[in-house]
């Protein structure tokens, strides 16, 4: 576990046989104001975003980390881009925050490591893989990727020959870069599959090659920040590469709220021990982080606790999952004040919808069950309802979920206590909404204010977290 120590005079070292890794940070920003920083915390020598520490950097700060082998770390000032480092056990690193971000002082190996590839963001690997998706054959793709991989590693080969990087650190970086390019390879095949709707013989060959001659249960691999992507791709090959795949049955499982269970069942086909623990914990955490309130997550976590009772992830996962537990407790209460417009009463256009509310002032919230920012706004539902009642407004929630998400949509109305009237937009209403928004893509949540005449008073109104009495 990471121990954060702010040093004012003496460095207090824990009583342990090995020397900890130390990160010393100096605030050299122009105004030298305290800043909030966030950093990942290695768990059992594995890289993960699950354990993160948030601390304040005033002038100087030293952080101790206990690791047995090289492991990546991500650190950032909350409003600025972050950097990745590949830490060695027992080494001291000097970092400077200059107001724009962090820089490693006098460590070229860390500078090079942090510069390639770009920092990992959501769907980053799929986005990168599209650059190579024009390669139609396994041989063509292998040649392209081998050239890029060798070019990349030549930088670290040179550093090793010059004595600026030791064998252990070089090996850790080489392993991570190998996993990265294997993940890219698998994602190229997935891009082909996504485009064609089926896997060709060449795509089978490409996808399988990403996992051949590698032990996916090697615990050292979880120190890579790309291991989860490779394991996920391996799992997806088991699902989509199955010659007997019944897509209708698969989609029925997803619509029934068993998507995560489906993946975990396939994790268990290829993974075991700490690597299986790592992937289940990662899936649970990411689902909660993305505001996924699927009820199956509760059952998955209960099973996880039984299978891994001593897991280092258990406490943080329990805290992360608590909003999901609370959500379903509320959903089962069947709260009053929630009315769904459906059947013959359901309007076919936006004009028809407004005519239903003529003579009343309406605050509209356009959202979807898969939209994390929408669900974040629902934290302010009680305050919004009080404000709307005070100002004589009704709340109208328009969901742009498709039919397959109907069950999840209805569940969320209760779980979030969304008092007001609700409609799940059909094609006609959805088309009108896009036309009204004025773009082929619609950013949600989207809020509007409608006056008593059924006219749009404010097309882009403030969100529940921002709106004030004077805005109504």
Protein backbone atom coordinates (compact mmCIF):
# COMPACT_ATOMS: atom_id res chain seq x y z
CA UNK A 1 0.00 0.00 0.00
CA UNK A 2 1.18 3.53 -0.71
CA UNK A 3 2.03 5.65 2.30
CA UNK A 4 1.89 9.38 1.75
CA UNK A 5 4.16 11.38 3.99
CA UNK A 6 4.44 15.16 3.91
CA UNK A 7 7.87 16.07 5.13
CA UNK A 8 8.43 19.15 7.22
CA UNK A 9 11.80 18.18 8.68
CA UNK A 10 12.81 14.55 9.07
CA UNK A 11 11.89 11.69 6.76
CA UNK A 12 10.23 9.00 8.84
CA UNK A 13 10.91 5.60 7.30
CA UNK A 14 8.76 2.58 7.98
CA UNK A 15 10.33 -0.39 9.64
CA UNK A 16 10.93 -2.76 6.75
CA UNK A 17 13.87 -4.67 5.35
CA UNK A 18 13.84 -3.17 1.86
CA UNK A 19 14.20 0.49 0.97
CA UNK A 20 11.00 2.08 -0.35
CA UNK A 21 10.75 3.88 -3.67
CA UNK A 22 10.61 7.64 -3.06
CA UNK A 23 9.04 10.33 -5.25
CA UNK A 24 10.12 13.83 -4.24
CA UNK A 25 8.00 16.64 -5.74
CA UNK A 26 8.77 20.36 -5.76
CA UNK A 27 6.14 22.98 -6.57
CA UNK A 28 7.77 25.49 -8.95
CA UNK A 29 4.57 26.93 -10.42
CA UNK A 30 4.70 30.72 -10.98
CA UNK A 31 2.31 31.52 -8.12
CA UNK A 32 3.46 28.56 -5.99
CA UNK A 33 -0.12 28.02 -4.81
CA UNK A 34 -1.03 24.64 -3.30
CA UNK A 35 -2.35 22.20 -5.88
CA UNK A 36 -4.27 18.93 -5.64
CA UNK A 37 -2.54 15.95 -7.18
CA UNK A 38 -3.73 12.43 -7.84
CA UNK A 39 -1.62 9.34 -8.32
CA UNK A 40 -2.24 5.66 -8.83
CA UNK A 41 -1.28 3.21 -6.13
CA UNK A 42 0.26 -0.14 -7.10
CA UNK A 43 -1.70 -3.05 -5.64
CA UNK A 44 0.38 -6.16 -5.11
CA UNK A 45 2.89 -4.90 -7.71
CA UNK A 46 0.09 -4.52 -10.25
CA UNK A 47 -0.74 -1.30 -12.06
CA UNK A 48 -4.31 -0.19 -11.48
CA UNK A 49 -6.49 2.91 -11.43
CA UNK A 50 -8.56 1.28 -8.68
CA UNK A 51 -6.42 2.57 -5.83
CA UNK A 52 -5.76 6.31 -6.20
CA UNK A 53 -4.47 8.78 -3.64
CA UNK A 54 -5.41 12.47 -3.75
CA UNK A 55 -3.16 14.81 -1.79
CA UNK A 56 -2.19 18.46 -1.61
CA UNK A 57 1.17 19.68 -2.86
CA UNK A 58 2.23 22.89 -1.18
CA UNK A 59 5.95 23.54 -1.59
CA UNK A 60 7.55 20.13 -1.26
CA UNK A 61 6.27 16.61 -0.87
CA UNK A 62 7.79 13.16 -0.62
CA UNK A 63 5.88 9.98 -1.30
CA UNK A 64 6.97 6.47 -0.37
CA UNK A 65 5.86 3.40 -2.31
CA UNK A 66 6.61 -0.23 -1.52
CA UNK A 67 7.07 -2.39 -4.62
CA UNK A 68 9.06 -5.58 -5.25
CA UNK A 69 9.53 -5.11 -8.99
CA UNK A 70 9.20 -2.31 -11.58
CA UNK A 71 5.64 -1.02 -11.79
CA UNK A 72 4.02 1.90 -13.65
CA UNK A 73 2.59 4.93 -11.86
CA UNK A 74 0.36 7.72 -13.14
CA UNK A 75 0.46 11.16 -11.51
CA UNK A 76 -1.33 14.38 -12.39
CA UNK A 77 -2.55 17.70 -11.11
CA UNK A 78 -6.32 17.28 -11.31
CA UNK A 79 -6.84 19.91 -14.02
CA UNK A 80 -3.69 19.19 -16.05
CA UNK A 81 -2.38 16.31 -18.20
CA UNK A 82 -0.56 13.66 -16.20
CA UNK A 83 2.58 11.62 -16.76
CA UNK A 84 3.41 7.91 -16.51
CA UNK A 85 6.55 6.57 -14.88
CA UNK A 86 7.95 3.03 -14.63
CA UNK A 87 9.13 2.92 -11.02
CA UNK A 88 11.97 0.74 -9.73
CA UNK A 89 12.00 -0.52 -6.15
CA UNK A 90 14.32 1.37 -3.82
CA UNK A 91 14.99 4.29 -6.18
CA UNK A 92 14.47 8.02 -5.61
CA UNK A 93 12.83 10.22 -8.26
CA UNK A 94 12.79 14.00 -8.41
CA UNK A 95 9.71 15.63 -9.97
CA UNK A 96 8.86 19.28 -10.57
CA UNK A 97 5.42 20.78 -10.99
CA UNK A 98 5.78 23.94 -13.11
CA UNK A 99 2.15 25.00 -13.28
CA UNK A 100 1.42 23.14 -16.53
CA UNK A 101 2.18 19.62 -15.36
CA UNK A 102 4.86 17.33 -13.95
CA UNK A 103 8.39 16.81 -15.28
CA UNK A 104 10.92 14.21 -14.18
CA UNK A 105 14.30 15.75 -13.34
CA UNK A 106 17.49 14.26 -14.82
CA UNK A 107 16.05 10.87 -15.75
CA UNK A 108 16.03 10.35 -19.50
CA UNK A 109 14.71 6.79 -19.20
CA UNK A 110 11.56 8.06 -17.46
CA UNK A 111 11.20 10.90 -19.96
CA UNK A 112 11.31 8.46 -22.88
CA UNK A 113 8.99 6.00 -21.16
CA UNK A 114 6.40 8.71 -20.52
CA UNK A 115 6.48 9.97 -24.10
CA UNK A 116 5.47 6.81 -25.99
CA UNK A 117 2.71 6.11 -26.70
CA UNK A 118 0.32 8.94 -25.82
CA UNK A 119 -1.26 8.59 -22.35
CA UNK A 120 -3.93 5.91 -22.14
CA UNK A 121 -7.44 7.29 -22.45
CA UNK A 122 -10.79 5.64 -22.94
CA UNK A 123 -10.82 3.66 -26.20
CA UNK A 124 -7.24 4.79 -26.88
CA UNK A 125 -6.14 1.36 -28.12
CA UNK A 126 -9.10 1.00 -30.46
CA UNK A 127 -8.40 4.48 -31.82
CA UNK A 128 -4.71 3.61 -32.34
CA UNK A 129 -5.59 0.25 -33.89
CA UNK A 130 -7.64 1.96 -36.60
CA UNK A 131 -4.40 3.40 -37.95
CA UNK A 132 -3.36 -0.16 -38.85
CA UNK A 133 -6.78 -1.52 -39.84
CA UNK A 134 -5.98 -1.17 -43.56
CA UNK A 135 -3.65 -4.18 -43.21
CA UNK A 136 -5.82 -7.00 -44.56
CA UNK A 137 -3.53 -9.94 -43.87
CA UNK A 138 -1.73 -11.26 -40.83
CA UNK A 139 1.69 -11.06 -42.57
CA UNK A 140 1.16 -7.46 -43.63
CA UNK A 141 0.07 -6.37 -40.14
CA UNK A 142 2.88 -8.31 -38.46
CA UNK A 143 5.51 -6.56 -40.62
CA UNK A 144 4.06 -3.10 -39.93
CA UNK A 145 3.80 -3.62 -36.17
CA UNK A 146 7.21 -5.29 -35.89
CA UNK A 147 8.79 -2.27 -37.55
CA UNK A 148 7.02 0.16 -35.20
CA UNK A 149 7.82 -1.97 -32.15
CA UNK A 150 11.51 -2.31 -33.03
CA UNK A 151 11.78 1.40 -33.74
CA UNK A 152 10.28 2.18 -30.36
CA UNK A 153 12.46 -0.25 -28.40
CA UNK A 154 15.64 0.91 -30.15
CA UNK A 155 15.48 4.03 -27.95
CA UNK A 156 15.64 1.92 -24.79
CA UNK A 157 18.25 -0.43 -26.30
CA UNK A 158 20.50 2.60 -26.77
CA UNK A 159 19.89 3.73 -23.20
CA UNK A 160 20.75 0.26 -21.93
CA UNK A 161 24.00 0.15 -23.89
CA UNK A 162 24.92 3.58 -22.54
CA UNK A 163 24.30 2.39 -18.97
CA UNK A 164 21.38 4.82 -18.47
CA UNK A 165 18.89 2.04 -17.85
CA UNK A 166 19.46 -1.25 -16.04
CA UNK A 167 18.47 -4.74 -17.16
CA UNK A 168 15.49 -5.07 -14.81
CA UNK A 169 13.90 -1.77 -15.88
CA UNK A 170 14.60 -2.50 -19.54
CA UNK A 171 12.89 -5.88 -19.24
CA UNK A 172 9.83 -4.33 -17.56
CA UNK A 173 9.48 -1.72 -20.31
CA UNK A 174 10.04 -4.35 -23.02
CA UNK A 175 7.31 -6.55 -21.51
CA UNK A 176 4.86 -3.67 -21.35
CA UNK A 177 5.55 -2.59 -24.94
CA UNK A 178 5.10 -6.17 -26.11
CA UNK A 179 1.69 -6.28 -24.40
CA UNK A 180 0.80 -2.93 -25.94
CA UNK A 181 1.49 -4.10 -29.50
CA UNK A 182 -0.26 -7.40 -28.90
CA UNK A 183 -3.28 -5.38 -27.77
CA UNK A 184 -3.09 -3.25 -30.90
CA UNK A 185 -2.97 -6.42 -33.01
CA UNK A 186 -6.07 -7.83 -31.32
CA UNK A 187 -7.89 -4.52 -31.72
CA UNK A 188 -7.16 -4.44 -35.45
CA UNK A 189 -9.00 -7.75 -35.82
CA UNK A 190 -11.82 -6.37 -33.67
CA UNK A 191 -12.06 -3.29 -35.94
CA UNK A 192 -12.35 -5.59 -38.96
CA UNK A 193 -15.02 -7.63 -37.17
CA UNK A 194 -16.93 -4.52 -36.15
CA UNK A 195 -16.92 -3.27 -39.73
CA UNK A 196 -17.79 -6.54 -41.49
CA UNK A 197 -19.97 -8.11 -38.81
CA UNK A 198 -18.05 -11.38 -39.06
CA UNK A 199 -14.50 -12.71 -38.74
CA UNK A 200 -12.58 -13.74 -41.85
CA UNK A 201 -9.92 -16.46 -41.73
CA UNK A 202 -7.24 -13.76 -41.73
CA UNK A 203 -8.89 -11.96 -38.84
CA UNK A 204 -9.01 -15.19 -36.85
CA UNK A 205 -5.27 -15.54 -37.48
CA UNK A 206 -4.57 -11.92 -36.52
CA UNK A 207 -6.64 -12.04 -33.34
CA UNK A 208 -5.28 -15.41 -32.16
CA UNK A 209 -1.68 -14.29 -32.76
CA UNK A 210 -2.04 -11.66 -30.02
CA UNK A 211 -2.35 -14.35 -27.33
CA UNK A 212 -0.23 -17.16 -28.67
CA UNK A 213 3.14 -17.86 -27.00
CA UNK A 214 2.26 -15.75 -23.93
CA UNK A 215 1.15 -16.94 -20.50
CA UNK A 216 -1.87 -14.77 -19.67
CA UNK A 217 -1.68 -16.03 -16.06
CA UNK A 218 1.84 -14.73 -15.48
CA UNK A 219 1.38 -12.34 -12.50
CA UNK A 220 4.25 -10.16 -13.76
CA UNK A 221 2.07 -9.09 -16.70
CA UNK A 222 -0.38 -7.24 -14.46
CA UNK A 223 2.36 -4.68 -13.82
CA UNK A 224 1.74 -3.51 -17.39
CA UNK A 225 -0.79 -0.74 -17.86
CA UNK A 226 -2.07 -2.57 -20.96
CA UNK A 227 -2.63 -6.02 -19.47
CA UNK A 228 -6.35 -5.41 -18.92
CA UNK A 229 -6.78 -4.47 -22.60
CA UNK A 230 -5.00 -7.62 -23.76
CA UNK A 231 -6.98 -9.87 -21.38
CA UNK A 232 -10.20 -8.16 -22.47
CA UNK A 233 -9.34 -8.72 -26.13
CA UNK A 234 -8.53 -12.36 -25.44
CA UNK A 235 -11.93 -12.71 -23.76
CA UNK A 236 -13.70 -11.04 -26.68
CA UNK A 237 -12.05 -13.48 -29.07
CA UNK A 238 -13.51 -16.34 -27.06
CA UNK A 239 -16.93 -14.73 -27.44
CA UNK A 240 -16.92 -13.39 -31.01
CA UNK A 241 -14.49 -15.93 -32.46
CA UNK A 242 -16.69 -18.85 -31.46
CA UNK A 243 -17.87 -20.52 -34.72
CA UNK A 244 -21.10 -21.50 -32.95
CA UNK A 245 -21.84 -17.96 -31.73
CA UNK A 246 -25.56 -17.23 -31.57
CA UNK A 247 -25.69 -13.43 -31.78
CA UNK A 248 -29.38 -13.25 -30.92
CA UNK A 249 -28.82 -15.27 -27.77
CA UNK A 250 -25.80 -13.11 -26.91
CA UNK A 251 -27.81 -9.90 -27.28
CA UNK A 252 -30.60 -11.38 -25.19
CA UNK A 253 -28.07 -11.95 -22.39
CA UNK A 254 -26.91 -8.34 -22.66
CA UNK A 255 -30.48 -6.97 -22.65
CA UNK A 256 -31.26 -9.12 -19.62
CA UNK A 257 -28.53 -7.28 -17.69
CA UNK A 258 -25.85 -9.99 -17.80
CA UNK A 259 -23.12 -8.27 -19.84
CA UNK A 260 -20.54 -8.23 -17.03
CA UNK A 261 -21.38 -11.78 -16.01
CA UNK A 262 -20.84 -12.87 -19.62
CA UNK A 263 -17.33 -11.38 -19.65
CA UNK A 264 -16.41 -12.75 -16.23
CA UNK A 265 -17.58 -16.24 -17.17
CA UNK A 266 -15.15 -16.05 -20.07
CA UNK A 267 -12.36 -14.60 -17.90
CA UNK A 268 -12.65 -17.81 -15.90
CA UNK A 269 -11.99 -19.87 -19.03
CA UNK A 270 -8.51 -18.38 -19.50
CA UNK A 271 -7.48 -16.82 -16.18
CA UNK A 272 -6.92 -17.95 -12.62
CA UNK A 273 -5.44 -16.81 -9.32
CA UNK A 274 -4.27 -13.21 -8.97
CA UNK A 275 -4.75 -12.48 -12.69
CA UNK A 276 -8.42 -13.47 -12.53
CA UNK A 277 -8.80 -11.43 -9.34
CA UNK A 278 -7.22 -8.45 -11.10
CA UNK A 279 -9.57 -8.58 -14.10
CA UNK A 280 -12.79 -9.06 -12.09
CA UNK A 281 -11.81 -6.21 -9.77
CA UNK A 282 -10.99 -4.01 -12.75
CA UNK A 283 -14.34 -4.71 -14.44
CA UNK A 284 -16.27 -3.99 -11.23
CA UNK A 285 -14.40 -0.75 -10.62
CA UNK A 286 -14.74 0.55 -14.18
CA UNK A 287 -18.44 -0.28 -14.32
CA UNK A 288 -19.04 1.74 -11.14
CA UNK A 289 -16.73 4.54 -12.28
CA UNK A 290 -18.77 4.86 -15.49
CA UNK A 291 -22.01 5.09 -13.44
CA UNK A 292 -23.21 1.66 -14.50
CA UNK A 293 -25.90 0.70 -11.98
CA UNK A 294 -26.47 -2.85 -13.25
CA UNK A 295 -27.85 -5.04 -10.47
CA UNK A 296 -25.59 -7.92 -11.55
CA UNK A 297 -22.61 -5.99 -10.17
CA UNK A 298 -23.84 -6.66 -6.63
CA UNK A 299 -23.94 -10.42 -7.23
CA UNK A 300 -20.54 -10.33 -8.94
CA UNK A 301 -19.01 -8.53 -5.96
CA UNK A 302 -20.49 -11.02 -3.50
CA UNK A 303 -19.01 -13.86 -5.53
CA UNK A 304 -15.68 -11.97 -5.70
CA UNK A 305 -15.53 -11.68 -1.89
CA UNK A 306 -16.12 -15.40 -1.50
CA UNK A 307 -13.49 -16.33 -4.07
CA UNK A 308 -10.89 -13.77 -2.94
CA UNK A 309 -11.60 -13.12 0.78
CA UNK A 310 -8.15 -11.56 1.37
CA UNK A 311 -8.15 -9.37 -1.74
CA UNK A 312 -6.47 -5.97 -1.47
CA UNK A 313 -9.21 -4.65 -3.75
CA UNK A 314 -12.12 -5.68 -1.51
CA UNK A 315 -12.44 -2.54 0.62
CA UNK A 316 -12.19 0.01 -2.19
CA UNK A 317 -14.55 -2.05 -4.37
CA UNK A 318 -17.07 -2.22 -1.54
CA UNK A 319 -17.00 1.57 -1.18
CA UNK A 320 -17.20 2.09 -4.94
CA UNK A 321 -20.14 -0.30 -5.22
CA UNK A 322 -22.17 1.23 -2.40
CA UNK A 323 -24.04 3.72 -4.65
CA UNK A 324 -25.17 0.75 -6.78
CA UNK A 325 -26.49 -1.03 -3.67
CA UNK A 326 -28.28 2.16 -2.54
CA UNK A 327 -29.70 2.66 -6.02
CA UNK A 328 -31.34 -0.76 -6.13
CA UNK A 329 -32.66 -0.41 -2.58
CA UNK A 330 -34.51 2.72 -3.73
CA UNK A 331 -35.58 1.13 -7.02
CA UNK A 332 -37.37 -1.66 -5.13
CA UNK A 333 -39.42 0.84 -3.11
CA UNK A 334 -41.49 1.92 -6.15
CA UNK A 335 -41.48 5.62 -5.36
CA UNK A 336 -44.53 7.79 -6.01
CA UNK A 337 -44.60 10.87 -8.22
CA UNK A 338 -43.09 9.05 -11.23
CA UNK A 339 -45.37 8.91 -14.28
CA UNK A 340 -44.47 7.25 -17.58
CA UNK A 341 -46.09 8.48 -20.81
CA UNK A 342 -46.61 5.42 -23.02
CA UNK A 343 -49.10 3.52 -25.13
CA UNK A 344 -51.70 5.56 -27.00
CA UNK A 345 -50.73 8.67 -24.97
CA UNK A 346 -47.20 8.63 -26.34
CA UNK A 347 -46.57 11.62 -28.69
CA UNK A 348 -45.00 10.96 -32.09
CA UNK A 349 -43.30 14.34 -32.46
CA UNK A 350 -41.80 17.12 -30.34
CA UNK A 351 -44.68 19.39 -31.34
CA UNK A 352 -47.20 16.83 -30.10
CA UNK A 353 -45.24 16.51 -26.86
CA UNK A 354 -45.29 20.26 -26.22
CA UNK A 355 -49.03 20.43 -26.92
CA UNK A 356 -49.57 17.98 -24.05
CA UNK A 357 -48.09 20.53 -21.64
CA UNK A 358 -49.63 23.72 -23.03
CA UNK A 359 -50.63 26.03 -20.20
CA UNK A 360 -47.86 24.68 -17.95
CA UNK A 361 -44.22 25.62 -17.52
CA UNK A 362 -41.86 22.69 -18.10
CA UNK A 363 -38.24 21.92 -17.36
CA UNK A 364 -37.03 19.24 -19.80
CA UNK A 365 -34.13 16.88 -19.21
CA UNK A 366 -32.94 14.86 -22.24
CA UNK A 367 -30.84 11.93 -21.06
CA UNK A 368 -30.03 8.21 -21.46
CA UNK A 369 -29.36 5.31 -19.12
CA UNK A 370 -25.84 4.90 -20.56
CA UNK A 371 -24.87 8.56 -20.06
CA UNK A 372 -22.56 8.95 -17.03
CA UNK A 373 -22.80 12.80 -16.89
CA UNK A 374 -26.61 12.49 -16.93
CA UNK A 375 -26.52 10.19 -13.92
CA UNK A 376 -24.06 12.49 -12.17
CA UNK A 377 -26.63 15.29 -12.49
CA UNK A 378 -29.26 13.12 -10.81
CA UNK A 379 -27.44 13.68 -7.52
CA UNK A 380 -29.18 17.07 -7.55
CA UNK A 381 -32.68 15.69 -8.20
CA UNK A 382 -34.12 16.51 -4.75
CA UNK A 383 -32.94 20.13 -4.91
CA UNK A 384 -34.23 20.46 -8.51
CA UNK A 385 -37.66 19.08 -7.60
CA UNK A 386 -37.94 21.54 -4.70
CA UNK A 387 -36.93 24.44 -6.94
CA UNK A 388 -39.32 23.47 -9.75
CA UNK A 389 -42.24 23.10 -7.32
CA UNK A 390 -41.49 26.53 -5.83
CA UNK A 391 -41.46 28.16 -9.29
CA UNK A 392 -44.48 26.29 -10.64
CA UNK A 393 -42.67 24.07 -13.13
CA UNK A 394 -43.19 20.45 -14.08
CA UNK A 395 -40.30 18.09 -14.76
CA UNK A 396 -40.28 16.17 -18.04
CA UNK A 397 -37.57 13.59 -18.62
CA UNK A 398 -37.02 12.45 -22.22
CA UNK A 399 -34.86 9.36 -22.58
CA UNK A 400 -33.14 8.66 -25.90
CA UNK A 401 -32.53 5.03 -24.95
CA UNK A 402 -33.45 2.47 -27.57
CA UNK A 403 -35.95 -0.29 -26.93
CA UNK A 404 -33.37 -2.82 -25.75
CA UNK A 405 -32.59 -0.54 -22.78
CA UNK A 406 -36.23 -0.19 -21.78
CA UNK A 407 -35.86 -2.31 -18.63
CA UNK A 408 -32.77 -0.40 -17.47
CA UNK A 409 -34.47 2.93 -18.20
CA UNK A 410 -37.52 2.09 -16.08
CA UNK A 411 -35.31 0.82 -13.28
CA UNK A 412 -33.37 4.10 -13.20
CA UNK A 413 -36.48 6.22 -12.79
CA UNK A 414 -37.07 4.51 -9.45
CA UNK A 415 -33.42 4.17 -8.43
CA UNK A 416 -32.74 7.88 -8.87
CA UNK A 417 -36.17 8.97 -7.62
CA UNK A 418 -36.86 11.04 -10.75
CA UNK A 419 -40.21 12.57 -9.81
CA UNK A 420 -41.99 13.94 -12.85
CA UNK A 421 -43.23 12.67 -16.19
CA UNK A 422 -41.17 10.41 -18.41
CA UNK A 423 -41.06 9.35 -22.01
CA UNK A 424 -38.67 7.12 -23.94
CA UNK A 425 -38.38 8.74 -27.37
CA UNK A 426 -39.44 6.74 -30.42
CA UNK A 427 -38.04 7.42 -33.90
CA UNK A 428 -40.26 10.41 -34.71
CA UNK A 429 -39.58 12.26 -31.46
CA UNK A 430 -35.90 11.35 -31.57
CA UNK A 431 -35.59 12.73 -35.11
CA UNK A 432 -37.20 16.00 -34.00
CA UNK A 433 -34.81 16.27 -31.05
CA UNK A 434 -31.77 15.95 -33.27
CA UNK A 435 -33.21 18.50 -35.66
CA UNK A 436 -33.92 20.90 -32.80
CA UNK A 437 -30.45 20.42 -31.34
CA UNK A 438 -28.99 21.37 -34.72
CA UNK A 439 -26.34 18.68 -35.04
CA UNK A 440 -25.96 15.08 -36.15
CA UNK A 441 -24.68 14.36 -32.65
CA UNK A 442 -26.46 15.38 -29.47
CA UNK A 443 -24.59 16.19 -26.26
CA UNK A 444 -26.50 15.05 -23.20
CA UNK A 445 -27.65 15.85 -20.62
CA UNK A 446 -29.53 18.55 -22.51
CA UNK A 447 -31.96 20.76 -20.63
CA UNK A 448 -34.67 23.07 -21.96
CA UNK A 449 -37.24 25.42 -20.45
CA UNK A 450 -40.73 25.61 -21.99
CA UNK A 451 -43.21 28.41 -21.28
CA UNK A 452 -47.00 28.20 -20.78
CA UNK A 453 -47.64 28.72 -24.50
CA UNK A 454 -45.70 25.59 -25.37
CA UNK A 455 -42.77 27.57 -26.74
CA UNK A 456 -39.08 27.05 -26.05
CA UNK A 457 -38.09 29.78 -23.61
CA UNK A 458 -34.51 28.55 -23.25
CA UNK A 459 -33.11 25.97 -25.67
CA UNK A 460 -29.98 25.22 -23.67
CA UNK A 461 -30.91 25.76 -20.05
CA UNK A 462 -28.67 25.23 -17.04
CA UNK A 463 -28.27 21.74 -15.64
CA UNK A 464 -29.75 20.69 -12.26
CA UNK A 465 -26.35 21.16 -10.61
CA UNK A 466 -26.15 24.77 -11.87
CA UNK A 467 -29.68 26.15 -12.06
CA UNK A 468 -30.74 28.87 -9.60
CA UNK A 469 -34.18 30.33 -8.71
CA UNK A 470 -33.50 33.40 -10.88
CA UNK A 471 -32.97 31.14 -13.91
CA UNK A 472 -36.62 30.06 -13.86
